[in-house]
């Protein structure tokens, strides 16, 4: 006989939910990182289109 303090079967299977939450956070972080890198690359190409080079900046 089970005691009232024993966990139910549904309460012990929490592990599958955690990785999905973690994966969602990682996906969101990856998307944000890629968007930031894309914006940086776009800014660099726009800067190069102005005709300035690294030597001109210094």
C-alpha atoms as a PDB file:
ATOM      1  CA  UNK A   1       0.000   0.000   0.000  1.00  0.00           C
ATOM      2  CA  UNK A   2       1.258   3.465  -0.886  1.00  0.00           C
ATOM      3  CA  UNK A   3       1.516   6.204   1.648  1.00  0.00           C
ATOM      4  CA  UNK A   4       0.101   9.685   0.929  1.00  0.00           C
ATOM      5  CA  UNK A   5       3.630  11.129   0.767  1.00  0.00           C
ATOM      6  CA  UNK A   6       4.619   8.889  -2.168  1.00  0.00           C
ATOM      7  CA  UNK A   7       4.604  10.807  -5.456  1.00  0.00           C
ATOM      8  CA  UNK A   8       2.148   9.854  -8.162  1.00  0.00           C
ATOM      9  CA  UNK A   9       3.413   8.422 -11.439  1.00  0.00           C
ATOM     10  CA  UNK A  10       2.641  11.709 -13.227  1.00  0.00           C
ATOM     11  CA  UNK A  11       4.714  13.782 -10.803  1.00  0.00           C
ATOM     12  CA  UNK A  12       7.912  11.771 -11.255  1.00  0.00           C
ATOM     13  CA  UNK A  13       8.064  12.234 -15.044  1.00  0.00           C
ATOM     14  CA  UNK A  14       9.094  15.890 -15.103  1.00  0.00           C
ATOM     15  CA  UNK A  15      12.372  15.365 -16.957  1.00  0.00           C
ATOM     16  CA  UNK A  16      10.905  15.356 -20.491  1.00  0.00           C
ATOM     17  CA  UNK A  17       9.459  18.839 -19.904  1.00  0.00           C
ATOM     18  CA  UNK A  18      12.714  20.421 -18.781  1.00  0.00           C
ATOM     19  CA  UNK A  19      14.761  19.670 -21.907  1.00  0.00           C
ATOM     20  CA  UNK A  20      12.027  21.072 -24.122  1.00  0.00           C
ATOM     21  CA  UNK A  21      12.039  24.304 -22.101  1.00  0.00           C
ATOM     22  CA  UNK A  22      15.816  24.361 -22.315  1.00  0.00           C
ATOM     23  CA  UNK A  23      15.693  23.723 -26.049  1.00  0.00           C
ATOM     24  CA  UNK A  24      13.193  26.551 -26.469  1.00  0.00           C
ATOM     25  CA  UNK A  25      15.488  28.921 -24.564  1.00  0.00           C
ATOM     26  CA  UNK A  26      18.485  27.812 -26.632  1.00  0.00           C
ATOM     27  CA  UNK A  27      16.565  28.253 -29.878  1.00  0.00           C
ATOM     28  CA  UNK A  28      15.502  31.751 -28.854  1.00  0.00           C
ATOM     29  CA  UNK A  29      19.063  32.658 -27.856  1.00  0.00           C
ATOM     30  CA  UNK A  30      20.393  31.295 -31.142  1.00  0.00           C
ATOM     31  CA  UNK A  31      17.836  33.310 -33.119  1.00  0.00           C
ATOM     32  CA  UNK A  32      18.763  36.476 -31.231  1.00  0.00           C
ATOM     33  CA  UNK A  33      22.467  35.829 -31.765  1.00  0.00           C
ATOM     34  CA  UNK A  34      22.002  35.222 -35.481  1.00  0.00           C
ATOM     35  CA  UNK A  35      19.898  38.371 -35.833  1.00  0.00           C
ATOM     36  CA  UNK A  36      22.582  40.391 -34.037  1.00  0.00           C
ATOM     37  CA  UNK A  37      25.330  38.984 -36.260  1.00  0.00           C
ATOM     38  CA  UNK A  38      23.267  39.637 -39.368  1.00  0.00           C
ATOM     39  CA  UNK A  39      22.742  43.248 -38.305  1.00  0.00           C
ATOM     40  CA  UNK A  40      26.465  43.641 -37.637  1.00  0.00           C
ATOM     41  CA  UNK A  41      27.356  42.229 -41.057  1.00  0.00           C
ATOM     42  CA  UNK A  42      24.821  44.504 -42.713  1.00  0.00           C
ATOM     43  CA  UNK A  43      26.276  47.519 -40.922  1.00  0.00           C
ATOM     44  CA  UNK A  44      29.781  46.551 -42.012  1.00  0.00           C
ATOM     45  CA  UNK A  45      28.776  46.239 -45.668  1.00  0.00           C
ATOM     46  CA  UNK A  46      26.974  49.569 -45.512  1.00  0.00           C
ATOM     47  CA  UNK A  47      30.076  51.136 -43.991  1.00  0.00           C
ATOM     48  CA  UNK A  48      32.254  49.681 -46.741  1.00  0.00           C
ATOM     49  CA  UNK A  49      29.840  50.979 -49.370  1.00  0.00           C
ATOM     50  CA  UNK A  50      30.520  54.517 -48.143  1.00  0.00           C
ATOM     51  CA  UNK A  51      33.993  54.182 -49.570  1.00  0.00           C
ATOM     52  CA  UNK A  52      35.817  54.185 -46.269  1.00  0.00           C
ATOM     53  CA  UNK A  53      38.431  51.570 -45.511  1.00  0.00           C
ATOM     54  CA  UNK A  54      40.201  50.560 -42.332  1.00  0.00           C
ATOM     55  CA  UNK A  55      43.159  52.802 -43.267  1.00  0.00           C
ATOM     56  CA  UNK A  56      40.878  55.825 -43.667  1.00  0.00           C
ATOM     57  CA  UNK A  57      39.427  55.400 -40.201  1.00  0.00           C
ATOM     58  CA  UNK A  58      42.744  55.511 -38.348  1.00  0.00           C
END
